[in-house]
Amino acid sequence: MSLLQIILLISSVLTISVLIAWLDHTRGWQFSAWLNGKVNNPFGHTCSKESESNQLEKDLLIAQLKERVQILEKIVTEPAYELNKKINQL
């Protein structure tokens, strides 16, 4: 093999490995794990237990915040709140 062929071979292998790493990172694909025999489907997204628990915590927090906003809306729209505000201004 000539020096040019060796350089082209090495550069193409490096380019392909960088492309695979980039696709794994940006798209969530698992090409590198698939090439190593760790997964059956390289296009499946990994859902770890941490991400599921984080999502559940976020959903719970959003539900709590929605409930608080509804309570505050009820308080502010009550006529007694406006009357109390006018009395406090005097």
N, C-alpha and C. Protein backbone atom coordinates (compact mmCIF):
# COMPACT_ATOMS: atom_id res chain seq x y z
N MET A 1 0.84 -1.18 0.00
CA MET A 1 0.00 0.00 0.00
C MET A 1 0.88 1.24 0.00
N SER A 2 0.41 2.18 -0.73
CA SER A 2 1.18 3.42 -0.79
C SER A 2 0.81 4.31 0.40
N LEU A 3 1.60 5.32 0.59
CA LEU A 3 1.38 6.25 1.70
C LEU A 3 0.05 6.98 1.53
N LEU A 4 -0.30 7.32 0.31
CA LEU A 4 -1.57 8.01 0.04
C LEU A 4 -2.76 7.14 0.40
N GLN A 5 -2.72 5.86 0.08
CA GLN A 5 -3.82 4.96 0.42
C GLN A 5 -3.97 4.79 1.93
N ILE A 6 -2.87 4.72 2.62
CA ILE A 6 -2.91 4.60 4.08
C ILE A 6 -3.53 5.85 4.71
N ILE A 7 -3.12 7.00 4.23
CA ILE A 7 -3.65 8.27 4.75
C ILE A 7 -5.14 8.38 4.46
N LEU A 8 -5.57 8.01 3.25
CA LEU A 8 -6.99 8.05 2.91
C LEU A 8 -7.80 7.07 3.75
N LEU A 9 -7.26 5.90 3.99
CA LEU A 9 -7.95 4.90 4.80
C LEU A 9 -8.12 5.38 6.24
N ILE A 10 -7.08 5.90 6.81
CA ILE A 10 -7.15 6.40 8.19
C ILE A 10 -8.08 7.60 8.31
N SER A 11 -7.99 8.51 7.36
CA SER A 11 -8.86 9.70 7.42
C SER A 11 -10.32 9.33 7.21
N SER A 12 -10.61 8.35 6.36
CA SER A 12 -12.00 7.95 6.16
C SER A 12 -12.55 7.24 7.39
N VAL A 13 -11.75 6.41 8.05
CA VAL A 13 -12.20 5.76 9.27
C VAL A 13 -12.46 6.79 10.36
N LEU A 14 -11.59 7.78 10.50
CA LEU A 14 -11.80 8.83 11.50
C LEU A 14 -13.04 9.66 11.19
N THR A 15 -13.25 9.96 9.91
CA THR A 15 -14.42 10.75 9.51
C THR A 15 -15.70 9.99 9.82
N ILE A 16 -15.72 8.72 9.52
CA ILE A 16 -16.91 7.91 9.79
C ILE A 16 -17.17 7.81 11.29
N SER A 17 -16.13 7.64 12.09
CA SER A 17 -16.32 7.54 13.54
C SER A 17 -16.81 8.86 14.13
N VAL A 18 -16.32 9.98 13.63
CA VAL A 18 -16.79 11.28 14.11
C VAL A 18 -18.24 11.50 13.69
N LEU A 19 -18.61 11.10 12.49
CA LEU A 19 -19.99 11.22 12.02
C LEU A 19 -20.93 10.37 12.88
N ILE A 20 -20.51 9.16 13.20
CA ILE A 20 -21.33 8.29 14.05
C ILE A 20 -21.50 8.91 15.44
N ALA A 21 -20.43 9.43 16.00
CA ALA A 21 -20.52 10.06 17.32
C ALA A 21 -21.42 11.28 17.29
N TRP A 22 -21.35 12.05 16.22
CA TRP A 22 -22.19 13.25 16.08
C TRP A 22 -23.66 12.86 15.97
N LEU A 23 -23.96 11.83 15.16
CA LEU A 23 -25.35 11.37 15.02
C LEU A 23 -25.87 10.80 16.34
N ASP A 24 -25.03 10.09 17.06
CA ASP A 24 -25.44 9.57 18.37
C ASP A 24 -25.80 10.71 19.31
N HIS A 25 -25.01 11.75 19.29
CA HIS A 25 -25.23 12.86 20.21
C HIS A 25 -26.42 13.71 19.81
N THR A 26 -26.52 14.09 18.55
CA THR A 26 -27.57 15.02 18.14
C THR A 26 -28.93 14.36 17.98
N ARG A 27 -28.97 13.18 17.44
CA ARG A 27 -30.24 12.52 17.15
C ARG A 27 -30.66 11.54 18.23
N GLY A 28 -29.76 11.21 19.14
CA GLY A 28 -30.08 10.23 20.18
C GLY A 28 -30.02 8.81 19.66
N TRP A 29 -29.46 8.63 18.47
CA TRP A 29 -29.34 7.28 17.92
C TRP A 29 -28.22 6.55 18.63
N GLN A 30 -28.15 5.25 18.42
CA GLN A 30 -27.19 4.41 19.12
C GLN A 30 -26.32 3.63 18.14
N PHE A 31 -25.78 4.32 17.14
CA PHE A 31 -24.95 3.63 16.16
C PHE A 31 -23.73 2.98 16.77
N SER A 32 -23.05 3.68 17.65
CA SER A 32 -21.84 3.11 18.24
C SER A 32 -22.16 1.91 19.11
N ALA A 33 -23.26 1.97 19.85
CA ALA A 33 -23.66 0.81 20.66
C ALA A 33 -24.10 -0.33 19.75
N TRP A 34 -24.75 -0.02 18.64
CA TRP A 34 -25.18 -1.04 17.70
C TRP A 34 -23.98 -1.72 17.05
N LEU A 35 -22.97 -0.94 16.70
CA LEU A 35 -21.76 -1.51 16.10
C LEU A 35 -21.02 -2.39 17.10
N ASN A 36 -21.15 -2.11 18.38
CA ASN A 36 -20.50 -2.91 19.41
C ASN A 36 -21.37 -4.07 19.88
N GLY A 37 -22.58 -4.20 19.32
CA GLY A 37 -23.46 -5.31 19.65
C GLY A 37 -24.23 -5.14 20.94
N LYS A 38 -24.39 -3.93 21.42
CA LYS A 38 -25.08 -3.71 22.70
C LYS A 38 -26.59 -3.53 22.54
N VAL A 39 -27.05 -3.10 21.36
CA VAL A 39 -28.48 -2.90 21.13
C VAL A 39 -28.87 -3.54 19.81
N ASN A 40 -30.17 -3.83 19.68
CA ASN A 40 -30.66 -4.42 18.44
C ASN A 40 -31.07 -3.37 17.42
N ASN A 41 -31.59 -2.25 17.90
CA ASN A 41 -32.08 -1.20 17.02
C ASN A 41 -31.29 0.08 17.26
N PRO A 42 -30.49 0.52 16.29
CA PRO A 42 -29.69 1.73 16.52
C PRO A 42 -30.52 3.01 16.53
N PHE A 43 -31.76 2.96 16.03
CA PHE A 43 -32.57 4.17 15.96
C PHE A 43 -33.48 4.36 17.15
N GLY A 44 -33.47 3.42 18.07
CA GLY A 44 -34.29 3.54 19.28
C GLY A 44 -33.64 4.49 20.26
N HIS A 45 -34.45 5.31 20.87
CA HIS A 45 -33.94 6.25 21.86
C HIS A 45 -33.83 5.55 23.21
N THR A 46 -32.80 5.90 23.93
CA THR A 46 -32.63 5.31 25.25
C THR A 46 -33.45 6.11 26.25
N CYS A 47 -34.19 5.41 27.06
CA CYS A 47 -34.97 6.03 28.14
C CYS A 47 -34.46 5.44 29.44
N SER A 48 -33.63 6.17 30.09
CA SER A 48 -33.09 5.67 31.35
C SER A 48 -34.09 5.94 32.47
N LYS A 49 -33.87 5.29 33.59
CA LYS A 49 -34.75 5.47 34.74
C LYS A 49 -34.65 6.89 35.28
N GLU A 50 -33.45 7.48 35.15
CA GLU A 50 -33.28 8.86 35.64
C GLU A 50 -34.13 9.82 34.83
N SER A 51 -34.13 9.67 33.51
CA SER A 51 -34.91 10.59 32.69
C SER A 51 -36.40 10.40 32.93
N GLU A 52 -36.83 9.15 33.17
CA GLU A 52 -38.24 8.90 33.47
C GLU A 52 -38.62 9.52 34.80
N SER A 53 -37.76 9.39 35.81
CA SER A 53 -38.08 9.97 37.11
C SER A 53 -38.05 11.49 37.05
N ASN A 54 -37.11 12.05 36.28
CA ASN A 54 -37.09 13.51 36.10
C ASN A 54 -38.35 13.99 35.42
N GLN A 55 -38.83 13.24 34.43
CA GLN A 55 -40.05 13.62 33.73
C GLN A 55 -41.25 13.55 34.67
N LEU A 56 -41.30 12.52 35.52
CA LEU A 56 -42.40 12.41 36.48
C LEU A 56 -42.37 13.55 37.49
N GLU A 57 -41.17 13.93 37.94
CA GLU A 57 -41.05 15.05 38.88
C GLU A 57 -41.51 16.35 38.22
N LYS A 58 -41.14 16.54 36.97
CA LYS A 58 -41.56 17.75 36.26
C LYS A 58 -43.08 17.78 36.08
N ASP A 59 -43.66 16.63 35.73
CA ASP A 59 -45.11 16.56 35.57
C ASP A 59 -45.83 16.86 36.87
N LEU A 60 -45.30 16.33 37.98
CA LEU A 60 -45.90 16.59 39.29
C LEU A 60 -45.80 18.07 39.65
N LEU A 61 -44.65 18.67 39.40
CA LEU A 61 -44.46 20.09 39.69
C LEU A 61 -45.39 20.95 38.85
N ILE A 62 -45.54 20.61 37.58
CA ILE A 62 -46.45 21.37 36.71
C ILE A 62 -47.88 21.26 37.21
N ALA A 63 -48.29 20.07 37.63
CA ALA A 63 -49.65 19.89 38.14
C ALA A 63 -49.87 20.72 39.41
N GLN A 64 -48.87 20.75 40.29
CA GLN A 64 -48.98 21.55 41.51
C GLN A 64 -49.06 23.03 41.19
N LEU A 65 -48.26 23.47 40.26
CA LEU A 65 -48.27 24.89 39.89
C LEU A 65 -49.59 25.28 39.23
N LYS A 66 -50.15 24.40 38.41
CA LYS A 66 -51.45 24.69 37.81
C LYS A 66 -52.52 24.83 38.89
N GLU A 67 -52.46 23.96 39.89
CA GLU A 67 -53.43 24.03 40.98
C GLU A 67 -53.29 25.34 41.75
N ARG A 68 -52.07 25.76 42.00
CA ARG A 68 -51.84 27.03 42.71
C ARG A 68 -52.37 28.21 41.91
N VAL A 69 -52.14 28.19 40.60
CA VAL A 69 -52.62 29.29 39.76
C VAL A 69 -54.14 29.33 39.77
N GLN A 70 -54.79 28.18 39.73
CA GLN A 70 -56.25 28.16 39.77
C GLN A 70 -56.77 28.73 41.09
N ILE A 71 -56.12 28.39 42.19
CA ILE A 71 -56.54 28.92 43.49
C ILE A 71 -56.35 30.44 43.53
N LEU A 72 -55.21 30.90 43.03
CA LEU A 72 -54.98 32.35 43.01
C LEU A 72 -55.98 33.08 42.12
N GLU A 73 -56.35 32.48 41.01
CA GLU A 73 -57.35 33.10 40.13
C GLU A 73 -58.69 33.20 40.85
N LYS A 74 -59.05 32.16 41.61
CA LYS A 74 -60.31 32.20 42.36
C LYS A 74 -60.28 33.31 43.41
N ILE A 75 -59.15 33.45 44.09
CA ILE A 75 -59.04 34.47 45.14
C ILE A 75 -59.13 35.86 44.54
N VAL A 76 -58.42 36.09 43.46
CA VAL A 76 -58.36 37.43 42.88
C VAL A 76 -59.68 37.82 42.24
N THR A 77 -60.41 36.87 41.70
CA THR A 77 -61.67 37.21 41.04
C THR A 77 -62.86 37.27 41.99
N GLU A 78 -62.69 36.95 43.26
CA GLU A 78 -63.78 37.04 44.23
C GLU A 78 -64.09 38.51 44.53
N PRO A 79 -65.36 38.83 44.69
CA PRO A 79 -65.73 40.21 45.03
C PRO A 79 -65.19 40.63 46.40
N ALA A 80 -65.07 39.71 47.33
CA ALA A 80 -64.57 40.05 48.67
C ALA A 80 -63.13 40.53 48.60
N TYR A 81 -62.36 40.00 47.66
CA TYR A 81 -60.96 40.42 47.52
C TYR A 81 -60.91 41.89 47.09
N GLU A 82 -61.77 42.27 46.15
CA GLU A 82 -61.78 43.66 45.70
C GLU A 82 -62.25 44.59 46.82
N LEU A 83 -63.25 44.17 47.58
CA LEU A 83 -63.74 44.98 48.69
C LEU A 83 -62.66 45.15 49.75
N ASN A 84 -61.95 44.07 50.06
CA ASN A 84 -60.88 44.12 51.05
C ASN A 84 -59.76 45.05 50.55
N LYS A 85 -59.49 45.01 49.28
CA LYS A 85 -58.46 45.88 48.72
C LYS A 85 -58.85 47.35 48.83
N LYS A 86 -60.11 47.65 48.57
CA LYS A 86 -60.59 49.03 48.68
C LYS A 86 -60.56 49.50 50.13
N ILE A 87 -60.91 48.61 51.06
CA ILE A 87 -60.88 48.97 52.47
C ILE A 87 -59.46 49.26 52.92
N ASN A 88 -58.51 48.46 52.46
CA ASN A 88 -57.10 48.66 52.83
C ASN A 88 -56.55 49.95 52.24
N GLN A 89 -57.08 50.39 51.13
CA GLN A 89 -56.61 51.65 50.52
C GLN A 89 -57.06 52.86 51.34
N LEU A 90 -58.17 52.73 52.05
CA LEU A 90 -58.66 53.83 52.85
C LEU A 90 -57.77 53.96 54.05
